[in-house]
């Protein structure tokens, strides 16, 4: 995951509305974005280093606001490049696996702790 998405969760945001801009609007890179007067910002949840990658995976496993993370992954286009909508369809399978595995793992941990306390 980290190798696939390192540095790719940054995006171009409209300077006045704060809306995420996609490459279909004629912009294609960070320099195009900044030259038009827009903002280039990184998402809080990202895979830029091992700590933030672990926090991001943890967040996805517990199901809290994971759709935004998945959307940025599916739309990623490369480092310092604007997103393309639904650019990587195959990563849905990876994220579904993480969610299912994480939820089952946490459920088993909780059930195990509860059963161990009642022995």
N, C-alpha and C. Protein backbone atom coordinates (compact mmCIF):
# COMPACT_ATOMS: atom_id res chain seq x y z
N UNK A 1 0.82 -1.19 0.00
CA UNK A 1 0.00 0.00 0.00
C UNK A 1 0.87 1.26 0.00
N UNK A 2 1.89 1.26 0.87
CA UNK A 2 2.68 2.49 0.98
C UNK A 2 3.43 2.78 -0.32
N UNK A 3 3.95 1.74 -0.98
CA UNK A 3 4.67 1.97 -2.22
C UNK A 3 3.73 2.47 -3.31
N UNK A 4 2.50 2.00 -3.29
CA UNK A 4 1.56 2.40 -4.34
C UNK A 4 1.07 3.83 -4.19
N UNK A 5 0.94 4.30 -2.94
CA UNK A 5 0.29 5.59 -2.72
C UNK A 5 1.17 6.64 -2.04
N UNK A 6 2.44 6.37 -1.84
CA UNK A 6 3.31 7.35 -1.19
C UNK A 6 3.36 8.63 -2.01
N UNK A 7 3.01 9.74 -1.37
CA UNK A 7 3.07 11.05 -2.01
C UNK A 7 1.92 11.33 -2.97
N UNK A 8 0.92 10.46 -3.04
CA UNK A 8 -0.14 10.64 -4.02
C UNK A 8 -1.46 11.14 -3.44
N UNK A 9 -1.49 11.46 -2.16
CA UNK A 9 -2.74 11.93 -1.56
C UNK A 9 -2.80 13.45 -1.50
N UNK A 10 -1.87 14.13 -2.14
CA UNK A 10 -1.94 15.59 -2.25
C UNK A 10 -2.87 15.94 -3.39
N UNK A 11 -3.48 17.11 -3.29
CA UNK A 11 -4.39 17.50 -4.34
C UNK A 11 -4.50 19.00 -4.48
N UNK A 12 -5.09 19.40 -5.58
CA UNK A 12 -5.29 20.81 -5.89
C UNK A 12 -6.69 21.21 -5.43
N UNK A 13 -6.76 22.24 -4.61
CA UNK A 13 -8.03 22.72 -4.09
C UNK A 13 -8.28 24.13 -4.58
N UNK A 14 -9.52 24.39 -4.95
CA UNK A 14 -9.91 25.71 -5.45
C UNK A 14 -9.62 26.74 -4.37
N UNK A 15 -9.04 27.86 -4.76
CA UNK A 15 -8.60 28.86 -3.79
C UNK A 15 -9.74 29.50 -3.01
N UNK A 16 -10.91 29.64 -3.59
CA UNK A 16 -12.01 30.29 -2.87
C UNK A 16 -13.01 29.30 -2.28
N UNK A 17 -13.36 28.24 -3.01
CA UNK A 17 -14.38 27.32 -2.50
C UNK A 17 -13.80 26.15 -1.71
N UNK A 18 -12.52 25.86 -1.88
CA UNK A 18 -11.91 24.73 -1.19
C UNK A 18 -12.25 23.38 -1.81
N UNK A 19 -12.88 23.39 -2.97
CA UNK A 19 -13.29 22.17 -3.65
C UNK A 19 -12.08 21.48 -4.30
N UNK A 20 -12.03 20.15 -4.23
CA UNK A 20 -10.96 19.40 -4.86
C UNK A 20 -11.11 19.46 -6.38
N UNK A 21 -10.02 19.81 -7.06
CA UNK A 21 -10.05 19.91 -8.52
C UNK A 21 -9.43 18.66 -9.13
N UNK A 22 -9.99 18.20 -10.23
CA UNK A 22 -9.50 17.01 -10.92
C UNK A 22 -8.83 17.40 -12.22
N UNK A 23 -8.06 16.47 -12.78
CA UNK A 23 -7.28 16.78 -13.98
C UNK A 23 -8.16 17.00 -15.21
N UNK A 24 -9.41 16.64 -15.16
CA UNK A 24 -10.29 16.86 -16.32
C UNK A 24 -10.58 18.34 -16.55
N UNK A 25 -10.18 19.20 -15.62
CA UNK A 25 -10.44 20.63 -15.75
C UNK A 25 -9.31 21.37 -16.45
N UNK A 26 -8.40 20.66 -17.09
CA UNK A 26 -7.30 21.29 -17.81
C UNK A 26 -6.02 21.40 -16.99
N UNK A 27 -6.09 21.13 -15.70
CA UNK A 27 -4.90 21.13 -14.86
C UNK A 27 -4.36 19.71 -14.81
N UNK A 28 -3.05 19.55 -14.77
CA UNK A 28 -2.52 18.19 -14.74
C UNK A 28 -1.45 17.97 -13.69
N UNK A 29 -0.86 19.04 -13.14
CA UNK A 29 0.23 18.85 -12.19
C UNK A 29 0.19 19.91 -11.09
N UNK A 30 1.08 19.74 -10.14
CA UNK A 30 1.18 20.68 -9.03
C UNK A 30 1.54 22.08 -9.52
N UNK A 31 2.44 22.15 -10.48
CA UNK A 31 2.84 23.48 -10.99
C UNK A 31 1.68 24.17 -11.70
N UNK A 32 0.86 23.41 -12.44
CA UNK A 32 -0.33 23.99 -13.08
C UNK A 32 -1.28 24.54 -12.03
N UNK A 33 -1.46 23.78 -10.97
CA UNK A 33 -2.37 24.17 -9.89
C UNK A 33 -1.92 25.47 -9.23
N UNK A 34 -0.64 25.51 -8.87
CA UNK A 34 -0.11 26.70 -8.18
C UNK A 34 -0.05 27.91 -9.10
N UNK A 35 0.21 27.68 -10.39
CA UNK A 35 0.28 28.81 -11.32
C UNK A 35 -1.10 29.44 -11.55
N UNK A 36 -2.16 28.68 -11.35
CA UNK A 36 -3.52 29.20 -11.49
C UNK A 36 -4.00 29.87 -10.19
N UNK A 37 -3.18 29.84 -9.15
CA UNK A 37 -3.54 30.48 -7.89
C UNK A 37 -4.32 29.60 -6.93
N UNK A 38 -4.36 28.29 -7.20
CA UNK A 38 -5.06 27.37 -6.32
C UNK A 38 -4.13 26.87 -5.22
N UNK A 39 -4.67 26.07 -4.32
CA UNK A 39 -3.90 25.55 -3.19
C UNK A 39 -3.55 24.09 -3.42
N UNK A 40 -2.32 23.70 -3.06
CA UNK A 40 -1.89 22.31 -3.13
C UNK A 40 -1.73 21.81 -1.71
N UNK A 41 -2.57 20.86 -1.30
CA UNK A 41 -2.56 20.38 0.08
C UNK A 41 -2.53 18.87 0.12
N UNK A 42 -1.93 18.35 1.20
CA UNK A 42 -1.88 16.92 1.43
C UNK A 42 -3.03 16.54 2.36
N UNK A 43 -3.58 15.35 2.17
CA UNK A 43 -4.61 14.84 3.06
C UNK A 43 -3.98 14.47 4.40
N UNK A 44 -4.76 14.56 5.48
CA UNK A 44 -4.24 14.17 6.79
C UNK A 44 -3.91 12.68 6.81
N UNK A 45 -4.84 11.85 6.34
CA UNK A 45 -4.59 10.41 6.26
C UNK A 45 -3.92 10.12 4.93
N UNK A 46 -2.69 9.61 4.99
CA UNK A 46 -1.93 9.35 3.77
C UNK A 46 -0.96 8.20 4.02
N UNK A 47 -0.19 7.87 3.02
CA UNK A 47 0.79 6.79 3.11
C UNK A 47 2.21 7.32 2.89
N UNK A 48 2.47 8.56 3.28
CA UNK A 48 3.76 9.18 3.01
C UNK A 48 4.90 8.63 3.87
N UNK A 49 4.59 8.13 5.05
CA UNK A 49 5.61 7.50 5.89
C UNK A 49 4.98 6.33 6.64
N UNK A 50 5.79 5.56 7.33
CA UNK A 50 5.30 4.34 7.97
C UNK A 50 4.29 4.65 9.08
N UNK A 51 4.49 5.73 9.80
CA UNK A 51 3.56 6.08 10.87
C UNK A 51 2.19 6.44 10.31
N UNK A 52 2.15 7.36 9.35
CA UNK A 52 0.87 7.78 8.78
C UNK A 52 0.22 6.65 7.99
N UNK A 53 1.02 5.80 7.36
CA UNK A 53 0.45 4.64 6.67
C UNK A 53 -0.23 3.69 7.64
N UNK A 54 0.39 3.48 8.79
CA UNK A 54 -0.21 2.61 9.82
C UNK A 54 -1.48 3.23 10.39
N UNK A 55 -1.46 4.53 10.63
CA UNK A 55 -2.64 5.22 11.14
C UNK A 55 -3.78 5.15 10.12
N UNK A 56 -3.44 5.31 8.85
CA UNK A 56 -4.45 5.25 7.79
C UNK A 56 -5.08 3.87 7.70
N UNK A 57 -4.25 2.83 7.71
CA UNK A 57 -4.77 1.46 7.67
C UNK A 57 -5.62 1.18 8.91
N UNK A 58 -5.16 1.63 10.07
CA UNK A 58 -5.91 1.46 11.32
C UNK A 58 -7.28 2.13 11.21
N UNK A 59 -7.30 3.32 10.65
CA UNK A 59 -8.55 4.06 10.48
C UNK A 59 -9.51 3.31 9.55
N UNK A 60 -8.98 2.74 8.49
CA UNK A 60 -9.81 1.99 7.56
C UNK A 60 -10.34 0.72 8.23
N UNK A 61 -9.49 0.04 9.00
CA UNK A 61 -9.90 -1.20 9.65
C UNK A 61 -11.05 -0.98 10.62
N UNK A 62 -11.06 0.15 11.30
CA UNK A 62 -12.12 0.42 12.27
C UNK A 62 -13.33 1.09 11.64
N UNK A 63 -13.27 1.40 10.37
CA UNK A 63 -14.45 1.88 9.66
C UNK A 63 -14.81 3.34 9.88
N UNK A 64 -13.90 4.13 10.42
CA UNK A 64 -14.22 5.54 10.65
C UNK A 64 -13.81 6.43 9.51
N UNK A 65 -14.76 6.97 8.79
CA UNK A 65 -14.52 7.91 7.68
C UNK A 65 -13.55 7.33 6.64
N UNK A 66 -13.71 6.07 6.34
CA UNK A 66 -12.78 5.42 5.43
C UNK A 66 -13.08 5.70 3.96
N UNK A 67 -14.28 6.17 3.66
CA UNK A 67 -14.63 6.39 2.26
C UNK A 67 -13.78 7.48 1.60
N UNK A 68 -13.45 8.53 2.35
CA UNK A 68 -12.59 9.58 1.80
C UNK A 68 -11.21 9.07 1.46
N UNK A 69 -10.69 8.20 2.31
CA UNK A 69 -9.36 7.61 2.07
C UNK A 69 -9.41 6.74 0.83
N UNK A 70 -10.45 5.93 0.72
CA UNK A 70 -10.59 5.06 -0.45
C UNK A 70 -10.76 5.88 -1.72
N UNK A 71 -11.55 6.94 -1.66
CA UNK A 71 -11.73 7.79 -2.84
C UNK A 71 -10.42 8.39 -3.32
N UNK A 72 -9.59 8.86 -2.38
CA UNK A 72 -8.30 9.42 -2.78
C UNK A 72 -7.39 8.35 -3.36
N UNK A 73 -7.49 7.13 -2.86
CA UNK A 73 -6.69 6.04 -3.41
C UNK A 73 -7.13 5.69 -4.82
N UNK A 74 -8.44 5.62 -5.02
CA UNK A 74 -8.95 5.27 -6.35
C UNK A 74 -8.68 6.36 -7.37
N UNK A 75 -8.62 7.61 -6.92
CA UNK A 75 -8.42 8.74 -7.83
C UNK A 75 -6.95 9.11 -8.03
N UNK A 76 -6.04 8.48 -7.30
CA UNK A 76 -4.63 8.90 -7.36
C UNK A 76 -4.07 8.69 -8.76
N UNK A 77 -3.12 9.56 -9.10
CA UNK A 77 -2.59 9.57 -10.46
C UNK A 77 -1.07 9.64 -10.49
N UNK A 78 -0.43 9.82 -9.38
CA UNK A 78 1.02 9.94 -9.34
C UNK A 78 1.44 11.08 -8.43
N UNK A 79 2.70 11.13 -8.13
CA UNK A 79 3.22 12.16 -7.24
C UNK A 79 3.18 13.51 -7.95
N UNK A 80 2.64 14.52 -7.27
CA UNK A 80 2.49 15.88 -7.79
C UNK A 80 1.66 15.95 -9.08
N UNK A 81 0.72 15.03 -9.22
CA UNK A 81 -0.19 15.04 -10.36
C UNK A 81 -1.61 15.10 -9.82
N UNK A 82 -2.49 15.74 -10.55
CA UNK A 82 -3.88 15.84 -10.12
C UNK A 82 -4.60 14.50 -10.26
N UNK A 83 -5.60 14.32 -9.43
CA UNK A 83 -6.37 13.08 -9.43
C UNK A 83 -7.20 12.95 -10.69
N UNK A 84 -7.44 11.70 -11.06
CA UNK A 84 -8.37 11.35 -12.13
C UNK A 84 -9.44 10.49 -11.48
N UNK A 85 -10.70 10.84 -11.65
CA UNK A 85 -11.78 10.09 -11.00
C UNK A 85 -11.73 8.61 -11.38
N UNK A 86 -11.81 7.77 -10.34
CA UNK A 86 -11.85 6.31 -10.50
C UNK A 86 -10.72 5.79 -11.39
N UNK A 87 -9.52 6.19 -11.10
CA UNK A 87 -8.35 5.82 -11.88
C UNK A 87 -7.87 4.39 -11.58
N UNK A 88 -8.07 3.92 -10.36
CA UNK A 88 -7.60 2.59 -9.94
C UNK A 88 -8.76 1.78 -9.37
N UNK A 89 -9.54 1.14 -10.22
CA UNK A 89 -10.69 0.36 -9.75
C UNK A 89 -10.28 -0.85 -8.93
N UNK A 90 -9.14 -1.45 -9.22
CA UNK A 90 -8.72 -2.68 -8.57
C UNK A 90 -8.44 -2.55 -7.08
N UNK A 91 -8.21 -1.35 -6.60
CA UNK A 91 -7.89 -1.19 -5.18
C UNK A 91 -9.10 -1.37 -4.29
N UNK A 92 -10.32 -1.39 -4.86
CA UNK A 92 -11.51 -1.69 -4.05
C UNK A 92 -11.37 -3.05 -3.39
N UNK A 93 -10.82 -4.01 -4.12
CA UNK A 93 -10.66 -5.37 -3.59
C UNK A 93 -9.70 -5.35 -2.40
N UNK A 94 -8.63 -4.60 -2.52
CA UNK A 94 -7.66 -4.50 -1.43
C UNK A 94 -8.30 -3.88 -0.19
N UNK A 95 -9.01 -2.80 -0.38
CA UNK A 95 -9.64 -2.14 0.76
C UNK A 95 -10.75 -2.98 1.37
N UNK A 96 -11.50 -3.71 0.56
CA UNK A 96 -12.52 -4.59 1.12
C UNK A 96 -11.88 -5.69 1.95
N UNK A 97 -10.75 -6.21 1.48
CA UNK A 97 -10.02 -7.21 2.26
C UNK A 97 -9.53 -6.66 3.58
N UNK A 98 -9.00 -5.44 3.57
CA UNK A 98 -8.53 -4.81 4.81
C UNK A 98 -9.68 -4.60 5.77
N UNK A 99 -10.80 -4.14 5.28
CA UNK A 99 -11.96 -3.88 6.14
C UNK A 99 -12.48 -5.18 6.74
N UNK A 100 -12.66 -6.19 5.92
CA UNK A 100 -13.19 -7.46 6.42
C UNK A 100 -12.21 -8.10 7.39
N UNK A 101 -10.93 -8.17 7.02
CA UNK A 101 -9.93 -8.77 7.89
C UNK A 101 -9.81 -8.00 9.20
N UNK A 102 -9.81 -6.67 9.12
CA UNK A 102 -9.70 -5.85 10.32
C UNK A 102 -10.88 -6.00 11.24
N UNK A 103 -12.07 -5.99 10.69
CA UNK A 103 -13.28 -6.13 11.52
C UNK A 103 -13.34 -7.50 12.17
N UNK A 104 -13.00 -8.55 11.43
CA UNK A 104 -13.01 -9.91 12.00
C UNK A 104 -11.94 -10.04 13.07
N UNK A 105 -10.77 -9.48 12.83
CA UNK A 105 -9.68 -9.56 13.79
C UNK A 105 -10.06 -8.84 15.09
N UNK A 106 -10.62 -7.67 15.00
CA UNK A 106 -11.01 -6.91 16.19
C UNK A 106 -12.15 -7.62 16.92
N UNK A 107 -13.11 -8.14 16.18
CA UNK A 107 -14.22 -8.86 16.80
C UNK A 107 -13.71 -10.10 17.54
N UNK A 108 -12.79 -10.84 16.94
CA UNK A 108 -12.21 -12.00 17.61
C UNK A 108 -11.44 -11.60 18.85
N UNK A 109 -10.74 -10.50 18.81
CA UNK A 109 -9.99 -10.02 19.97
C UNK A 109 -10.93 -9.66 21.11
N UNK A 110 -12.01 -8.96 20.81
CA UNK A 110 -12.97 -8.56 21.85
C UNK A 110 -13.67 -9.78 22.43
N UNK A 111 -14.11 -10.70 21.57
CA UNK A 111 -14.76 -11.91 22.07
C UNK A 111 -13.80 -12.73 22.92
N UNK A 112 -12.56 -12.84 22.50
CA UNK A 112 -11.56 -13.56 23.27
C UNK A 112 -11.33 -12.95 24.64
N UNK A 113 -11.26 -11.62 24.70
CA UNK A 113 -11.07 -10.94 25.99
C UNK A 113 -12.27 -11.13 26.90
N UNK A 114 -13.47 -11.03 26.35
CA UNK A 114 -14.67 -11.20 27.15
C UNK A 114 -14.76 -12.63 27.70
N UNK A 115 -14.50 -13.62 26.83
CA UNK A 115 -14.55 -15.01 27.28
C UNK A 115 -13.48 -15.31 28.31
N UNK A 116 -12.31 -14.72 28.14
CA UNK A 116 -11.22 -14.95 29.09
C UNK A 116 -11.56 -14.35 30.47
N UNK A 117 -12.26 -13.25 30.50
CA UNK A 117 -12.64 -12.63 31.78
C UNK A 117 -13.71 -13.40 32.51
N UNK A 118 -14.53 -14.19 31.80
CA UNK A 118 -15.61 -14.93 32.43
C UNK A 118 -15.23 -16.37 32.78
N UNK A 119 -13.99 -16.75 32.63
CA UNK A 119 -13.56 -18.11 32.99
C UNK A 119 -13.52 -18.28 34.48
